[in-house]
Amino acid sequence: MAEDKNTIHTPKTFSLEIEKIAFDKRCTHLEAISIYCEQMGIEPVSTAKLLTKSLKEKVEANAIDLNYLPKSAKLPM
């Protein structure tokens, strides 16, 4: 599953690894990032720089589905 703890990921390889975990474990991308961090022994905040635009959008969609974020963005009036 996850590679050696000393592996340095690029955003692309990190994204592919998260996609693989999400598919294999049938979980959300948000959960896949958490699983990855647990396996690698790293803090989730340290993965922020590795998120691709596509992965950010998927995580945001997961968060909206789980009611962690509002359903739609509203401009302040």
PDB file of N, CA and C in Angstrom:
ATOM      1  N   MET A   1       0.829  -1.183   0.000  1.00  0.00           N
ATOM      2  CA  MET A   1       0.000   0.000   0.000  1.00  0.00           C
ATOM      3  C   MET A   1       0.873   1.245   0.000  1.00  0.00           C
ATOM      4  N   ALA A   2       1.068   1.849   1.174  1.00  0.00           N
ATOM      5  CA  ALA A   2       1.923   3.033   1.230  1.00  0.00           C
ATOM      6  C   ALA A   2       3.370   2.598   1.081  1.00  0.00           C
ATOM      7  N   GLU A   3       4.145   3.492   0.537  1.00  0.00           N
ATOM      8  CA  GLU A   3       5.541   3.163   0.292  1.00  0.00           C
ATOM      9  C   GLU A   3       6.359   3.367   1.552  1.00  0.00           C
ATOM     10  N   ASP A   4       7.662   3.166   1.425  1.00  0.00           N
ATOM     11  CA  ASP A   4       8.593   3.343   2.519  1.00  0.00           C
ATOM     12  C   ASP A   4       8.412   4.712   3.155  1.00  0.00           C
ATOM     13  N   LYS A   5       8.585   4.786   4.474  1.00  0.00           N
ATOM     14  CA  LYS A   5       8.393   6.048   5.192  1.00  0.00           C
ATOM     15  C   LYS A   5       9.361   7.125   4.743  1.00  0.00           C
ATOM     16  N   ASN A   6      10.464   6.760   4.124  1.00  0.00           N
ATOM     17  CA  ASN A   6      11.447   7.737   3.683  1.00  0.00           C
ATOM     18  C   ASN A   6      11.171   8.262   2.280  1.00  0.00           C
ATOM     19  N   THR A   7      10.109   7.781   1.636  1.00  0.00           N
ATOM     20  CA  THR A   7       9.780   8.200   0.282  1.00  0.00           C
ATOM     21  C   THR A   7       9.347   9.658   0.278  1.00  0.00           C
ATOM     22  N   ILE A   8       9.928  10.423  -0.624  1.00  0.00           N
ATOM     23  CA  ILE A   8       9.529  11.813  -0.794  1.00  0.00           C
ATOM     24  C   ILE A   8       8.571  11.868  -1.977  1.00  0.00           C
ATOM     25  N   HIS A   9       7.388  12.403  -1.724  1.00  0.00           N
ATOM     26  CA  HIS A   9       6.369  12.456  -2.763  1.00  0.00           C
ATOM     27  C   HIS A   9       6.322  13.814  -3.446  1.00  0.00           C
ATOM     28  N   THR A  10       5.978  13.769  -4.712  1.00  0.00           N
ATOM     29  CA  THR A  10       5.613  14.984  -5.431  1.00  0.00           C
ATOM     30  C   THR A  10       4.097  15.088  -5.306  1.00  0.00           C
ATOM     31  N   PRO A  11       3.512  16.233  -5.595  1.00  0.00           N
ATOM     32  CA  PRO A  11       2.044  16.318  -5.534  1.00  0.00           C
ATOM     33  C   PRO A  11       1.355  15.249  -6.387  1.00  0.00           C
ATOM     34  N   LYS A  12       1.917  14.945  -7.539  1.00  0.00           N
ATOM     35  CA  LYS A  12       1.300  13.946  -8.418  1.00  0.00           C
ATOM     36  C   LYS A  12       1.345  12.543  -7.805  1.00  0.00           C
ATOM     37  N   THR A  13       2.505  12.126  -7.297  1.00  0.00           N
ATOM     38  CA  THR A  13       2.606  10.786  -6.715  1.00  0.00           C
ATOM     39  C   THR A  13       1.781  10.686  -5.434  1.00  0.00           C
ATOM     40  N   PHE A  14       1.737  11.768  -4.656  1.00  0.00           N
ATOM     41  CA  PHE A  14       0.920  11.777  -3.442  1.00  0.00           C
ATOM     42  C   PHE A  14      -0.556  11.610  -3.815  1.00  0.00           C
ATOM     43  N   SER A  15      -1.001  12.351  -4.812  1.00  0.00           N
ATOM     44  CA  SER A  15      -2.383  12.280  -5.261  1.00  0.00           C
ATOM     45  C   SER A  15      -2.735  10.862  -5.734  1.00  0.00           C
ATOM     46  N   LEU A  16      -1.839  10.252  -6.487  1.00  0.00           N
ATOM     47  CA  LEU A  16      -2.081   8.881  -6.958  1.00  0.00           C
ATOM     48  C   LEU A  16      -2.161   7.899  -5.794  1.00  0.00           C
ATOM     49  N   GLU A  17      -1.322   8.080  -4.798  1.00  0.00           N
ATOM     50  CA  GLU A  17      -1.339   7.207  -3.622  1.00  0.00           C
ATOM     51  C   GLU A  17      -2.660   7.354  -2.863  1.00  0.00           C
ATOM     52  N   ILE A  18      -3.141   8.579  -2.718  1.00  0.00           N
ATOM     53  CA  ILE A  18      -4.410   8.826  -2.024  1.00  0.00           C
ATOM     54  C   ILE A  18      -5.569   8.228  -2.821  1.00  0.00           C
ATOM     55  N   GLU A  19      -5.539   8.387  -4.141  1.00  0.00           N
ATOM     56  CA  GLU A  19      -6.575   7.794  -5.002  1.00  0.00           C
ATOM     57  C   GLU A  19      -6.593   6.270  -4.832  1.00  0.00           C
ATOM     58  N   LYS A  20      -5.418   5.675  -4.773  1.00  0.00           N
ATOM     59  CA  LYS A  20      -5.309   4.215  -4.625  1.00  0.00           C
ATOM     60  C   LYS A  20      -5.892   3.764  -3.284  1.00  0.00           C
ATOM     61  N   ILE A  21      -5.563   4.466  -2.215  1.00  0.00           N
ATOM     62  CA  ILE A  21      -6.097   4.120  -0.895  1.00  0.00           C
ATOM     63  C   ILE A  21      -7.610   4.282  -0.881  1.00  0.00           C
ATOM     64  N   ALA A  22      -8.109   5.388  -1.424  1.00  0.00           N
ATOM     65  CA  ALA A  22      -9.554   5.642  -1.451  1.00  0.00           C
ATOM     66  C   ALA A  22     -10.285   4.545  -2.226  1.00  0.00           C
ATOM     67  N   PHE A  23      -9.706   4.108  -3.338  1.00  0.00           N
ATOM     68  CA  PHE A  23     -10.330   3.064  -4.148  1.00  0.00           C
ATOM     69  C   PHE A  23     -10.272   1.715  -3.440  1.00  0.00           C
ATOM     70  N   ASP A  24      -9.075   1.349  -2.959  1.00  0.00           N
ATOM     71  CA  ASP A  24      -8.883   0.035  -2.320  1.00  0.00           C
ATOM     72  C   ASP A  24      -9.722  -0.129  -1.056  1.00  0.00           C
ATOM     73  N   LYS A  25      -9.799   0.907  -0.249  1.00  0.00           N
ATOM     74  CA  LYS A  25     -10.505   0.822   1.029  1.00  0.00           C
ATOM     75  C   LYS A  25     -11.944   1.316   0.939  1.00  0.00           C
ATOM     76  N   ARG A  26     -12.331   1.783  -0.251  1.00  0.00           N
ATOM     77  CA  ARG A  26     -13.691   2.301  -0.478  1.00  0.00           C
ATOM     78  C   ARG A  26     -14.061   3.343   0.576  1.00  0.00           C
ATOM     79  N   CYS A  27     -13.199   4.347   0.673  1.00  0.00           N
ATOM     80  CA  CYS A  27     -13.424   5.426   1.631  1.00  0.00           C
ATOM     81  C   CYS A  27     -13.305   6.767   0.915  1.00  0.00           C
ATOM     82  N   THR A  28     -13.598   7.835   1.625  1.00  0.00           N
ATOM     83  CA  THR A  28     -13.489   9.161   1.041  1.00  0.00           C
ATOM     84  C   THR A  28     -12.016   9.540   0.911  1.00  0.00           C
ATOM     85  N   HIS A  29     -11.756  10.553   0.113  1.00  0.00           N
ATOM     86  CA  HIS A  29     -10.376  11.020  -0.047  1.00  0.00           C
ATOM     87  C   HIS A  29      -9.866  11.630   1.260  1.00  0.00           C
ATOM     88  N   LEU A  30     -10.773  12.224   2.006  1.00  0.00           N
ATOM     89  CA  LEU A  30     -10.431  12.788   3.309  1.00  0.00           C
ATOM     90  C   LEU A  30      -9.953  11.677   4.245  1.00  0.00           C
ATOM     91  N   GLU A  31     -10.675  10.577   4.266  1.00  0.00           N
ATOM     92  CA  GLU A  31     -10.274   9.425   5.086  1.00  0.00           C
ATOM     93  C   GLU A  31      -8.986   8.801   4.563  1.00  0.00           C
ATOM     94  N   ALA A  32      -8.828   8.768   3.250  1.00  0.00           N
ATOM     95  CA  ALA A  32      -7.619   8.194   2.661  1.00  0.00           C
ATOM     96  C   ALA A  32      -6.377   8.976   3.083  1.00  0.00           C
ATOM     97  N   ILE A  33      -6.491  10.298   3.142  1.00  0.00           N
ATOM     98  CA  ILE A  33      -5.363  11.119   3.589  1.00  0.00           C
ATOM     99  C   ILE A  33      -5.039  10.794   5.043  1.00  0.00           C
ATOM    100  N   SER A  34      -6.064  10.632   5.855  1.00  0.00           N
ATOM    101  CA  SER A  34      -5.873  10.286   7.258  1.00  0.00           C
ATOM    102  C   SER A  34      -5.195   8.918   7.404  1.00  0.00           C
ATOM    103  N   ILE A  35      -5.641   7.944   6.622  1.00  0.00           N
ATOM    104  CA  ILE A  35      -5.038   6.610   6.638  1.00  0.00           C
ATOM    105  C   ILE A  35      -3.576   6.685   6.211  1.00  0.00           C
ATOM    106  N   TYR A  36      -3.318   7.419   5.146  1.00  0.00           N
ATOM    107  CA  TYR A  36      -1.953   7.582   4.648  1.00  0.00           C
ATOM    108  C   TYR A  36      -1.048   8.185   5.723  1.00  0.00           C
ATOM    109  N   CYS A  37      -1.527   9.240   6.361  1.00  0.00           N
ATOM    110  CA  CYS A  37      -0.721   9.912   7.390  1.00  0.00           C
ATOM    111  C   CYS A  37      -0.437   8.978   8.556  1.00  0.00           C
ATOM    112  N   GLU A  38      -1.429   8.186   8.926  1.00  0.00           N
ATOM    113  CA  GLU A  38      -1.241   7.227  10.015  1.00  0.00           C
ATOM    114  C   GLU A  38      -0.196   6.182   9.633  1.00  0.00           C
ATOM    115  N   GLN A  39      -0.271   5.676   8.416  1.00  0.00           N
ATOM    116  CA  GLN A  39       0.687   4.665   7.950  1.00  0.00           C
ATOM    117  C   GLN A  39       2.108   5.215   7.877  1.00  0.00           C
ATOM    118  N   MET A  40       2.213   6.469   7.469  1.00  0.00           N
ATOM    119  CA  MET A  40       3.524   7.083   7.284  1.00  0.00           C
ATOM    120  C   MET A  40       4.052   7.752   8.552  1.00  0.00           C
ATOM    121  N   GLY A  41       3.213   7.885   9.560  1.00  0.00           N
ATOM    122  CA  GLY A  41       3.624   8.511  10.809  1.00  0.00           C
ATOM    123  C   GLY A  41       3.866  10.004  10.674  1.00  0.00           C
ATOM    124  N   ILE A  42       3.026  10.668   9.870  1.00  0.00           N
ATOM    125  CA  ILE A  42       3.170  12.116   9.672  1.00  0.00           C
ATOM    126  C   ILE A  42       1.878  12.824  10.068  1.00  0.00           C
ATOM    127  N   GLU A  43       1.986  14.115  10.302  1.00  0.00           N
ATOM    128  CA  GLU A  43       0.819  14.929  10.633  1.00  0.00           C
ATOM    129  C   GLU A  43       0.078  15.305   9.352  1.00  0.00           C
ATOM    130  N   PRO A  44      -1.251  15.246   9.359  1.00  0.00           N
ATOM    131  CA  PRO A  44      -2.026  15.609   8.162  1.00  0.00           C
ATOM    132  C   PRO A  44      -1.721  17.012   7.641  1.00  0.00           C
ATOM    133  N   VAL A  45      -1.425  17.943   8.529  1.00  0.00           N
ATOM    134  CA  VAL A  45      -1.153  19.316   8.090  1.00  0.00           C
ATOM    135  C   VAL A  45       0.077  19.369   7.178  1.00  0.00           C
ATOM    136  N   SER A  46       0.979  18.414   7.325  1.00  0.00           N
ATOM    137  CA  SER A  46       2.189  18.412   6.495  1.00  0.00           C
ATOM    138  C   SER A  46       1.920  17.981   5.056  1.00  0.00           C
ATOM    139  N   THR A  47       0.724  17.480   4.781  1.00  0.00           N
ATOM    140  CA  THR A  47       0.395  17.053   3.417  1.00  0.00           C
ATOM    141  C   THR A  47      -0.222  18.174   2.587  1.00  0.00           C
ATOM    142  N   ALA A  48      -0.506  19.307   3.202  1.00  0.00           N
ATOM    143  CA  ALA A  48      -1.186  20.405   2.498  1.00  0.00           C
ATOM    144  C   ALA A  48      -0.447  20.819   1.232  1.00  0.00           C
ATOM    145  N   LYS A  49       0.859  20.866   1.285  1.00  0.00           N
ATOM    146  CA  LYS A  49       1.641  21.311   0.116  1.00  0.00           C
ATOM    147  C   LYS A  49       1.652  20.270  -1.001  1.00  0.00           C
ATOM    148  N   LEU A  50       1.179  19.058  -0.703  1.00  0.00           N
ATOM    149  CA  LEU A  50       1.173  17.991  -1.702  1.00  0.00           C
ATOM    150  C   LEU A  50      -0.173  17.824  -2.405  1.00  0.00           C
ATOM    151  N   LEU A  51      -1.167  18.587  -1.995  1.00  0.00           N
ATOM    152  CA  LEU A  51      -2.498  18.441  -2.590  1.00  0.00           C
ATOM    153  C   LEU A  51      -2.554  19.092  -3.971  1.00  0.00           C
ATOM    154  N   THR A  52      -2.958  18.315  -4.956  1.00  0.00           N
ATOM    155  CA  THR A  52      -3.171  18.854  -6.294  1.00  0.00           C
ATOM    156  C   THR A  52      -4.539  19.530  -6.332  1.00  0.00           C
ATOM    157  N   LYS A  53      -4.789  20.310  -7.355  1.00  0.00           N
ATOM    158  CA  LYS A  53      -6.080  20.987  -7.486  1.00  0.00           C
ATOM    159  C   LYS A  53      -7.219  19.969  -7.514  1.00  0.00           C
ATOM    160  N   SER A  54      -7.029  18.897  -8.253  1.00  0.00           N
ATOM    161  CA  SER A  54      -8.044  17.853  -8.360  1.00  0.00           C
ATOM    162  C   SER A  54      -8.334  17.209  -7.001  1.00  0.00           C
ATOM    163  N   LEU A  55      -7.276  16.903  -6.263  1.00  0.00           N
ATOM    164  CA  LEU A  55      -7.449  16.274  -4.962  1.00  0.00           C
ATOM    165  C   LEU A  55      -8.101  17.246  -3.976  1.00  0.00           C
ATOM    166  N   LYS A  56      -7.739  18.519  -4.046  1.00  0.00           N
ATOM    167  CA  LYS A  56      -8.370  19.532  -3.188  1.00  0.00           C
ATOM    168  C   LYS A  56      -9.871  19.578  -3.443  1.00  0.00           C
ATOM    169  N   GLU A  57     -10.255  19.523  -4.720  1.00  0.00           N
ATOM    170  CA  GLU A  57     -11.677  19.564  -5.075  1.00  0.00           C
ATOM    171  C   GLU A  57     -12.411  18.338  -4.543  1.00  0.00           C
ATOM    172  N   LYS A  58     -11.773  17.176  -4.602  1.00  0.00           N
ATOM    173  CA  LYS A  58     -12.395  15.957  -4.093  1.00  0.00           C
ATOM    174  C   LYS A  58     -12.530  15.996  -2.580  1.00  0.00           C
ATOM    175  N   VAL A  59     -11.507  16.490  -1.893  1.00  0.00           N
ATOM    176  CA  VAL A  59     -11.566  16.615  -0.441  1.00  0.00           C
ATOM    177  C   VAL A  59     -12.652  17.616  -0.050  1.00  0.00           C
ATOM    178  N   GLU A  60     -12.744  18.720  -0.790  1.00  0.00           N
ATOM    179  CA  GLU A  60     -13.783  19.712  -0.510  1.00  0.00           C
ATOM    180  C   GLU A  60     -15.169  19.102  -0.709  1.00  0.00           C
ATOM    181  N   ALA A  61     -15.353  18.322  -1.769  1.00  0.00           N
ATOM    182  CA  ALA A  61     -16.642  17.669  -2.016  1.00  0.00           C
ATOM    183  C   ALA A  61     -16.963  16.688  -0.889  1.00  0.00           C
ATOM    184  N   ASN A  62     -15.959  15.948  -0.416  1.00  0.00           N
ATOM    185  CA  ASN A  62     -16.155  15.037   0.723  1.00  0.00           C
ATOM    186  C   ASN A  62     -16.597  15.819   1.951  1.00  0.00           C
ATOM    187  N   ALA A  63     -15.933  16.930   2.215  1.00  0.00           N
ATOM    188  CA  ALA A  63     -16.243  17.750   3.394  1.00  0.00           C
ATOM    189  C   ALA A  63     -17.661  18.318   3.311  1.00  0.00           C
ATOM    190  N   ILE A  64     -18.083  18.717   2.126  1.00  0.00           N
ATOM    191  CA  ILE A  64     -19.448  19.232   1.950  1.00  0.00           C
ATOM    192  C   ILE A  64     -20.456  18.110   2.186  1.00  0.00           C
ATOM    193  N   ASP A  65     -20.183  16.925   1.624  1.00  0.00           N
ATOM    194  CA  ASP A  65     -21.077  15.780   1.809  1.00  0.00           C
ATOM    195  C   ASP A  65     -21.211  15.394   3.281  1.00  0.00           C
ATOM    196  N   LEU A  66     -20.122  15.554   4.045  1.00  0.00           N
ATOM    197  CA  LEU A  66     -20.119  15.196   5.461  1.00  0.00           C
ATOM    198  C   LEU A  66     -20.565  16.362   6.353  1.00  0.00           C
ATOM    199  N   ASN A  67     -21.009  17.442   5.725  1.00  0.00           N
ATOM    200  CA  ASN A  67     -21.467  18.652   6.428  1.00  0.00           C
ATOM    201  C   ASN A  67     -20.365  19.316   7.255  1.00  0.00           C
ATOM    202  N   TYR A  68     -19.111  19.153   6.844  1.00  0.00           N
ATOM    203  CA  TYR A  68     -17.999  19.865   7.478  1.00  0.00           C
ATOM    204  C   TYR A  68     -17.900  21.280   6.914  1.00  0.00           C
ATOM    205  N   LEU A  69     -18.384  21.456   5.701  1.00  0.00           N
ATOM    206  CA  LEU A  69     -18.406  22.766   5.041  1.00  0.00           C
ATOM    207  C   LEU A  69     -19.834  23.042   4.605  1.00  0.00           C
ATOM    208  N   PRO A  70     -20.196  24.337   4.474  1.00  0.00           N
ATOM    209  CA  PRO A  70     -21.549  24.659   4.009  1.00  0.00           C
ATOM    210  C   PRO A  70     -21.781  24.133   2.589  1.00  0.00           C
ATOM    211  N   LYS A  71     -23.037  23.846   2.283  1.00  0.00           N
ATOM    212  CA  LYS A  71     -23.401  23.295   0.977  1.00  0.00           C
ATOM    213  C   LYS A  71     -23.052  24.214  -0.180  1.00  0.00           C
ATOM    214  N   SER A  72     -23.177  25.514   0.006  1.00  0.00           N
ATOM    215  CA  SER A  72     -22.829  26.435  -1.067  1.00  0.00           C
ATOM    216  C   SER A  72     -22.198  27.676  -0.476  1.00  0.00           C
ATOM    217  N   ALA A  73     -21.257  28.200  -1.211  1.00  0.00           N
ATOM    218  CA  ALA A  73     -20.598  29.426  -0.762  1.00  0.00           C
ATOM    219  C   ALA A  73     -21.522  30.609  -1.001  1.00  0.00           C
ATOM    220  N   LYS A  74     -21.616  31.477  -0.015  1.00  0.00           N
ATOM    221  CA  LYS A  74     -22.461  32.656  -0.143  1.00  0.00           C
ATOM    222  C   LYS A  74     -21.607  33.894   0.052  1.00  0.00           C
ATOM    223  N   LEU A  75     -21.826  34.874  -0.795  1.00  0.00           N
ATOM    224  CA  LEU A  75     -21.094  36.130  -0.670  1.00  0.00           C
ATOM    225  C   LEU A  75     -21.718  36.975   0.439  1.00  0.00           C
ATOM    226  N   PRO A  76     -20.884  37.613   1.253  1.00  0.00           N
ATOM    227  CA  PRO A  76     -21.446  38.469   2.304  1.00  0.00           C
ATOM    228  C   PRO A  76     -22.166  39.673   1.685  1.00  0.00           C
ATOM    229  N   MET A  77     -23.289  40.021   2.252  1.00  0.00           N
ATOM    230  CA  MET A  77     -24.061  41.139   1.722  1.00  0.00           C
ATOM    231  C   MET A  77     -24.133  42.266   2.703  1.00  0.00           C
TER     232      MET A  77
END
